[in-house]
Protein backbone atom coordinates (compact mmCIF):
# COMPACT_ATOMS: atom_id res chain seq x y z
CA MET A 1 91.01 142.96 120.04
CA THR A 2 92.90 139.92 118.77
CA THR A 3 91.31 136.57 119.53
CA GLN A 4 93.68 134.07 121.11
CA THR A 5 94.18 130.90 119.06
CA MET A 6 93.14 127.76 120.92
CA ARG A 7 94.18 124.71 118.95
CA PHE A 8 92.29 121.40 119.06
CA MET A 9 93.19 120.25 115.56
CA SER A 10 95.52 117.33 116.23
CA ASP A 11 97.85 115.87 118.83
CA ASN A 12 100.51 116.15 116.13
CA THR A 13 100.57 119.88 116.84
CA ALA A 14 101.74 119.31 120.42
CA THR A 15 105.21 119.92 121.77
CA ALA A 16 107.76 117.25 122.63
CA CYS A 17 107.69 116.59 126.37
CA PRO A 18 110.69 117.73 128.42
CA GLU A 19 111.71 114.25 129.54
CA MET A 20 112.05 113.10 125.93
CA LEU A 21 114.05 116.18 125.02
CA ALA A 22 116.27 115.43 128.01
CA ALA A 23 116.72 111.87 126.73
CA LEU A 24 117.76 113.27 123.35
CA ALA A 25 120.26 115.58 125.00
CA ALA A 26 121.67 112.70 127.08
CA ALA A 27 122.20 110.67 123.91
CA ASN A 28 123.89 113.60 122.19
CA HIS A 29 127.40 113.12 123.58
CA GLY A 30 130.38 111.56 121.88
CA LEU A 31 130.62 109.24 118.93
CA GLU A 32 128.25 106.29 118.63
CA VAL A 33 127.88 103.37 116.27
CA ALA A 34 125.39 104.13 113.50
CA TYR A 35 122.41 102.41 111.84
CA GLY A 36 120.90 100.85 114.95
CA ASP A 37 123.98 99.28 116.46
CA ASP A 38 124.15 101.91 119.20
CA ARG A 39 123.44 101.04 122.84
CA TRP A 40 120.05 102.78 122.91
CA THR A 41 118.60 101.02 119.88
CA GLN A 42 120.03 97.73 121.08
CA ARG A 43 117.93 98.06 124.26
CA LEU A 44 114.61 98.44 122.45
CA ASP A 45 113.80 94.74 122.21
CA ALA A 46 114.24 94.26 125.95
CA ALA A 47 112.41 97.46 126.91
CA LEU A 48 109.39 96.77 124.72
CA GLY A 49 109.50 93.10 125.63
CA GLY A 50 109.26 94.06 129.29
CA PHE A 51 106.39 96.43 128.57
CA PHE A 52 104.41 93.76 126.74
CA GLY A 53 105.52 90.83 128.88
CA ALA A 54 106.86 88.76 125.98
CA PRO A 55 109.95 88.53 123.77
CA VAL A 56 109.67 90.92 120.81
CA ARG A 57 111.67 92.25 117.89
CA ALA A 58 111.36 96.02 117.69
CA PHE A 59 112.48 98.43 114.99
CA ALA A 60 112.68 102.20 115.32
CA VAL A 61 111.22 104.43 112.60
CA ALA A 62 110.39 108.11 112.51
CA THR A 63 106.79 108.16 111.24
CA GLY A 64 103.57 106.27 111.75
CA THR A 65 103.07 105.91 108.01
CA ALA A 66 106.44 104.18 107.72
CA ALA A 67 105.59 101.89 110.63
CA ASN A 68 102.22 100.90 109.17
CA ALA A 69 103.26 100.53 105.56
CA LEU A 70 106.49 98.63 106.19
CA ALA A 71 104.85 96.31 108.72
CA LEU A 72 102.03 95.51 106.30
CA ALA A 73 104.44 95.08 103.38
CA THR A 74 106.32 92.50 105.44
CA LEU A 75 103.09 90.57 106.00
CA THR A 76 101.56 90.99 102.55
CA PRO A 77 102.76 89.98 99.07
CA PRO A 78 102.13 92.22 96.05
CA TYR A 79 99.13 90.06 95.14
CA GLY A 80 97.76 90.15 98.69
CA ALA A 81 94.75 91.80 100.28
CA ILE A 82 94.72 93.83 103.49
CA PHE A 83 91.37 94.04 105.28
CA ALA A 84 90.70 97.26 107.19
CA HIS A 85 87.96 99.69 108.16
CA HIS A 86 87.20 102.27 105.50
CA GLU A 87 88.10 105.04 107.98
CA ALA A 88 91.49 103.47 108.73
CA HIS A 89 94.50 105.74 108.52
CA ILE A 90 96.11 103.35 106.02
CA ALA A 91 93.09 103.86 103.76
CA SER A 92 92.45 107.58 104.03
CA ASP A 93 95.61 109.32 105.20
CA GLU A 94 98.71 107.54 103.93
CA CYS A 95 98.69 108.33 100.20
CA GLY A 96 98.67 104.68 99.16
CA ALA A 97 101.80 103.84 101.17
CA PRO A 98 100.79 100.23 102.02
CA ALA A 99 100.27 99.45 98.31
CA PHE A 100 103.48 101.26 97.38
CA TYR A 101 105.72 99.51 99.91
CA SER A 102 104.15 96.09 99.36
CA GLY A 103 104.45 96.38 95.61
CA GLY A 104 100.72 96.42 94.96
CA ALA A 105 98.71 94.90 97.82
CA GLN A 106 95.04 95.83 97.72
CA LEU A 107 93.02 97.30 100.60
CA MET A 108 89.68 95.61 101.22
CA LEU A 109 87.65 98.21 103.11
CA LEU A 110 84.87 97.25 105.51
CA GLU A 111 82.21 98.99 107.57
CA GLY A 112 81.88 99.07 111.33
CA GLU A 113 80.41 101.25 114.06
CA HIS A 114 82.76 103.89 115.53
CA ALA A 115 85.40 102.89 112.92
CA LYS A 116 85.85 99.48 114.54
CA LEU A 117 85.57 96.14 112.76
CA SER A 118 83.66 93.16 114.11
CA ALA A 119 84.57 89.51 113.75
CA ALA A 120 81.23 88.90 112.03
CA THR A 121 81.88 91.59 109.42
CA LEU A 122 85.35 90.24 108.69
CA ALA A 123 84.08 86.66 108.43
CA ALA A 124 81.26 87.67 106.10
CA SER A 125 83.65 89.55 103.82
CA LEU A 126 86.09 86.64 103.66
CA GLU A 127 83.31 84.19 102.92
CA ALA A 128 81.82 86.44 100.23
CA HIS A 129 85.06 86.54 98.26
CA PRO A 130 86.19 83.02 97.36
CA VAL A 131 89.89 82.85 96.63
CA SER A 132 91.26 81.58 93.33
CA VAL A 133 94.17 82.27 91.03
CA HIS A 134 92.12 85.16 89.63
CA THR A 135 91.78 87.05 92.92
CA VAL A 136 93.97 88.92 95.37
CA GLN A 137 94.98 86.60 98.19
CA PRO A 138 93.80 87.49 101.72
CA ALA A 139 96.98 88.18 103.68
CA ALA A 140 96.46 90.63 106.54
CA LEU A 141 93.97 92.36 108.79
CA SER A 142 94.76 95.85 110.09
CA VAL A 143 92.96 97.39 113.06
CA SER A 144 93.50 100.77 114.73
CA GLN A 145 93.78 101.13 118.51
CA ALA A 146 92.22 103.58 119.23
CA SER A 147 90.08 103.74 116.08
CA GLU A 148 89.91 106.75 113.79
CA LEU A 149 86.70 107.74 115.59
CA GLY A 150 88.33 107.52 119.01
CA ALA A 151 86.89 104.16 120.10
CA ALA A 152 88.92 101.46 121.85
CA TYR A 153 88.80 97.77 120.98
CA ARG A 154 88.14 95.62 124.05
CA PRO A 155 90.37 92.57 124.52
CA GLU A 156 87.51 90.19 123.77
CA GLU A 157 86.73 92.00 120.50
CA LEU A 158 90.33 91.62 119.38
CA VAL A 159 90.40 87.95 120.37
CA GLU A 160 87.42 87.25 118.11
CA LEU A 161 88.80 89.31 115.23
CA CYS A 162 92.18 87.61 115.42
CA ARG A 163 90.53 84.20 115.67
CA VAL A 164 88.66 84.76 112.40
CA ALA A 165 91.71 86.27 110.69
CA HIS A 166 94.07 83.47 111.71
CA ALA A 167 91.52 80.80 110.75
CA HIS A 168 91.64 82.21 107.22
CA GLY A 169 95.43 82.44 107.14
CA LEU A 170 95.66 86.20 107.71
CA LYS A 171 98.21 87.90 109.96
CA VAL A 172 97.01 90.77 112.14
CA HIS A 173 98.54 94.24 112.28
CA MET A 174 97.57 96.94 114.75
CA ASP A 175 98.00 100.64 114.04
CA GLY A 176 98.78 101.93 117.52
CA ALA A 177 99.24 105.63 116.79
CA ARG A 178 97.11 106.30 119.89
CA PHE A 179 97.80 102.98 121.60
CA ALA A 180 98.64 104.66 124.93
CA ASN A 181 95.35 106.57 124.95
CA ALA A 182 93.35 103.40 124.32
CA LEU A 183 95.34 101.48 126.93
CA CYS A 184 94.70 104.12 129.58
CA PHE A 185 90.98 104.02 128.86
CA LEU A 186 90.83 100.22 128.99
CA GLY A 187 92.98 99.92 132.11
CA CYS A 188 94.34 96.53 131.06
CA HIS A 189 97.85 95.16 130.61
CA PRO A 190 99.42 95.96 127.20
CA SER A 191 99.56 92.25 126.43
CA ASP A 192 95.78 91.89 126.73
CA VAL A 193 95.17 93.94 123.59
CA THR A 194 98.20 92.76 121.64
CA TRP A 195 99.86 89.34 121.57
CA ARG A 196 97.53 87.63 124.03
CA ALA A 197 94.61 88.66 121.83
CA GLY A 198 96.40 87.45 118.69
CA ILE A 199 98.01 90.60 117.30
CA ASP A 200 101.09 89.67 115.25
CA VAL A 201 102.62 93.09 114.59
CA LEU A 202 102.08 96.49 116.23
CA SER A 203 102.88 99.98 115.02
CA PHE A 204 103.72 101.45 118.42
CA GLY A 205 103.20 105.20 118.32
CA ALA A 206 104.71 107.83 120.59
CA THR A 207 104.80 110.96 118.42
CA LYS A 208 101.17 111.92 119.12
CA ASN A 209 101.77 111.46 122.85
CA GLY A 210 104.82 113.61 123.51
CA ALA A 211 107.68 112.36 121.35
CA LEU A 212 109.52 114.48 118.81
CA ALA A 213 109.38 111.83 116.06
CA ALA A 214 109.50 108.31 117.44
CA GLU A 215 107.62 105.17 116.46
CA ALA A 216 108.43 101.48 116.59
CA VAL A 217 107.35 98.39 114.68
CA VAL A 218 106.96 95.58 117.22
CA PHE A 219 106.85 91.96 116.05
CA PHE A 220 105.42 89.56 118.63
CA ASP A 221 106.40 86.60 116.45
CA PRO A 222 110.07 86.96 115.45
CA SER A 223 109.56 84.50 112.58
CA LEU A 224 107.48 87.17 110.83
CA VAL A 225 110.31 89.67 110.71
CA ARG A 226 111.64 88.12 107.48
CA ASP A 227 112.86 90.94 105.26
CA PHE A 228 111.63 93.88 107.36
CA GLU A 229 115.14 95.25 107.86
CA LEU A 230 115.84 95.21 104.13
CA ARG A 231 112.48 96.80 103.33
CA ARG A 232 113.16 99.54 105.89
CA LYS A 233 116.56 100.27 104.35
CA ARG A 234 115.22 100.25 100.78
CA ALA A 235 112.42 102.61 101.80
CA GLY A 236 114.85 105.13 103.29
CA HIS A 237 113.73 104.58 106.88
CA LEU A 238 116.87 103.04 108.36
CA LEU A 239 118.05 106.02 110.38
CA SER A 240 121.79 106.46 110.66
CA LYS A 241 121.32 108.12 114.06
CA SER A 242 118.51 105.92 115.31
CA ARG A 243 119.73 106.39 118.89
CA PHE A 244 117.76 109.65 118.93
CA VAL A 245 114.52 107.79 118.21
CA ALA A 246 115.40 104.92 120.54
CA ALA A 247 116.35 107.26 123.40
CA GLN A 248 112.89 108.83 123.25
CA LEU A 249 111.13 105.47 123.22
CA LEU A 250 113.18 104.24 126.18
CA ALA A 251 112.31 107.34 128.20
CA TYR A 252 108.66 106.99 127.16
CA LEU A 253 108.52 103.46 128.55
CA GLU A 254 110.93 103.57 131.49
CA HIS A 255 109.59 106.80 133.00
CA ASP A 256 105.91 105.93 132.41
CA LEU A 257 105.51 108.98 130.18
CA TRP A 258 103.13 107.06 127.94
CA ARG A 259 100.65 106.76 130.79
CA ARG A 260 101.03 110.23 132.27
CA ASN A 261 100.68 112.02 128.94
CA ALA A 262 97.80 109.88 127.68
CA MET A 263 95.87 110.16 130.93
CA ARG A 264 96.07 113.95 130.79
CA ALA A 265 94.90 114.11 127.17
CA ASN A 266 92.12 111.58 127.77
CA GLY A 267 90.90 113.49 130.79
CA PHE A 268 90.59 116.69 128.80
CA ALA A 269 88.73 114.85 126.03
CA ARG A 270 86.22 113.45 128.52
CA ARG A 271 85.52 116.96 129.80
CA ILE A 272 85.00 118.23 126.26
CA GLY A 273 82.73 115.30 125.47
CA ALA A 274 80.61 115.96 128.54
CA ALA A 275 80.27 119.62 127.56
CA ALA A 276 79.23 118.65 124.04
CA GLY A 277 76.23 116.76 125.41
CA GLN A 278 73.77 115.73 122.72
CA ARG A 279 76.11 116.99 120.02
CA LEU A 280 78.44 114.09 120.73
CA LEU A 281 78.62 111.57 117.87
CA GLY A 282 80.14 108.63 119.73
CA PRO A 283 81.88 107.50 122.90
CA VAL A 284 84.99 109.33 124.12
CA GLU A 285 87.47 106.52 124.75
CA ALA A 286 90.77 108.19 123.90
CA ASN A 287 91.71 111.82 123.29
CA GLU A 288 89.44 112.60 120.33
CA VAL A 289 85.92 114.03 120.45
CA PHE A 290 83.59 113.97 117.45
CA VAL A 291 80.67 116.39 117.49
CA ARG A 292 77.83 117.63 115.33
CA LEU A 293 78.10 121.42 115.35
CA GLY A 294 76.38 122.50 112.15
CA ALA A 295 77.70 125.32 110.02
CA ASP A 296 76.68 127.97 112.54
CA GLY A 297 78.22 126.16 115.50
CA LYS A 298 81.52 125.68 113.68
CA ALA A 299 81.58 129.34 112.67
CA ARG A 300 80.89 130.49 116.24
CA LEU A 301 83.70 128.37 117.69
CA ARG A 302 86.18 129.48 115.04
CA ALA A 303 85.26 133.11 115.56
CA ALA A 304 86.01 132.60 119.26
CA GLY A 305 89.52 131.41 118.40
CA PHE A 306 89.15 127.62 118.40
CA GLU A 307 90.92 125.64 115.69
CA PHE A 308 89.74 122.15 114.73
CA TYR A 309 89.23 119.98 111.69
CA ASP A 310 86.00 119.44 109.82
CA TRP A 311 85.15 115.75 109.79
CA GLY A 312 83.96 114.62 106.39
CA ALA A 313 82.39 117.12 104.03
CA GLU A 314 82.29 120.66 105.35
CA SER A 315 78.56 120.78 104.66
CA ALA A 316 77.93 117.87 107.04
CA GLY A 317 78.60 120.13 110.02
CA LEU A 318 80.73 117.56 111.84
CA ALA A 319 83.99 118.32 113.64
CA ARG A 320 86.85 116.54 115.36
CA LEU A 321 88.30 118.02 118.54
CA VAL A 322 91.59 116.56 119.75
CA ALA A 323 93.11 117.09 123.18
CA ALA A 324 96.90 116.83 123.28
CA TRP A 325 99.08 115.80 126.22
CA ASP A 326 100.23 119.41 126.70
CA GLN A 327 96.86 121.08 126.13
CA ASN A 328 96.38 124.35 127.97
CA GLU A 329 93.75 123.58 130.62
CA ALA A 330 92.35 127.10 130.36
CA HIS A 331 91.70 126.47 126.67
CA VAL A 332 89.85 123.26 127.56
CA GLU A 333 87.69 125.15 130.02
CA ALA A 334 87.00 127.83 127.41
CA LEU A 335 86.03 125.23 124.82
CA CYS A 336 83.70 123.49 127.26
CA ALA A 337 82.03 126.82 128.04
CA ALA A 338 81.73 127.67 124.35
CA LEU A 339 80.16 124.30 123.55
CA GLY A 340 77.68 124.72 126.37
CA ALA A 341 76.74 128.18 125.11
CA LEU A 342 75.93 127.08 121.57
CA PRO A 343 72.24 127.45 120.69
CA VAL A 344 70.29 124.21 120.71
CA SER A 345 69.29 123.40 117.14
């Protein structure tokens, strides 16, 4: 008998949601002006400004790596330093893109529980590295919301981080690949964990939450935009048909798809986390669940048809389980049952 594949590897494996495909189809009629001068892309500033409750400059890109790297390159000179958690996507999953697009900026990697940074850790690092002509110059702080271990920064945590960063002349970037998931968990207004807290630039992700390929770089301070448009063009990320990215983002915001999709994924993750019990490695605050399964537990789940990523070295016995917006609920129930049936080590 063939075992059915039940995939919990990544929300990148999910489908595009029907409403976004409909938005693409609606934009796919007639001739339109290219390179961002179309009527969909021209509405992005207002749509995202309304979402965040403040004037913004927004730029459509197709990937999260492009959003992160180009945003950070705009904030950071080649001789600059970007402070981030050592688990950050920009450090471990983007093939050196921030250094490449900035012309050489250096990542300064810090520790923090649940892949989150604290204001105290950032302050200590800045104070331990006096700046001179011989050193890289502190330029930016990058935080992930939600973090790479699925934890959400509270507004007050971000306020303190941004306060320390700004006091030392750093600008603050947020990697919001799972911003919607964190926002749904926190239940606050989008402004509370962005510009009101002190975030200067946000990589606003939608791809993991139902889009086909749609991200935006959102500047809360238009004076920081500087040469972003030229950097985007030079990097090959100025899309000639950007209306197809913009149309998805508009539907995502205007039809509340961000909330609906993230709430569904988060709900499944909470159920999986509850089933994992003492195997759970940290809080479930978005749509990712990190568990200690051991070699035997991982083998049992995979034999039953579940797909997931090892977290860290295979020998560590840790795993990441991700619930997507379109996850089959029966598969979630099966995973919860399988986790509950694992022998207690």
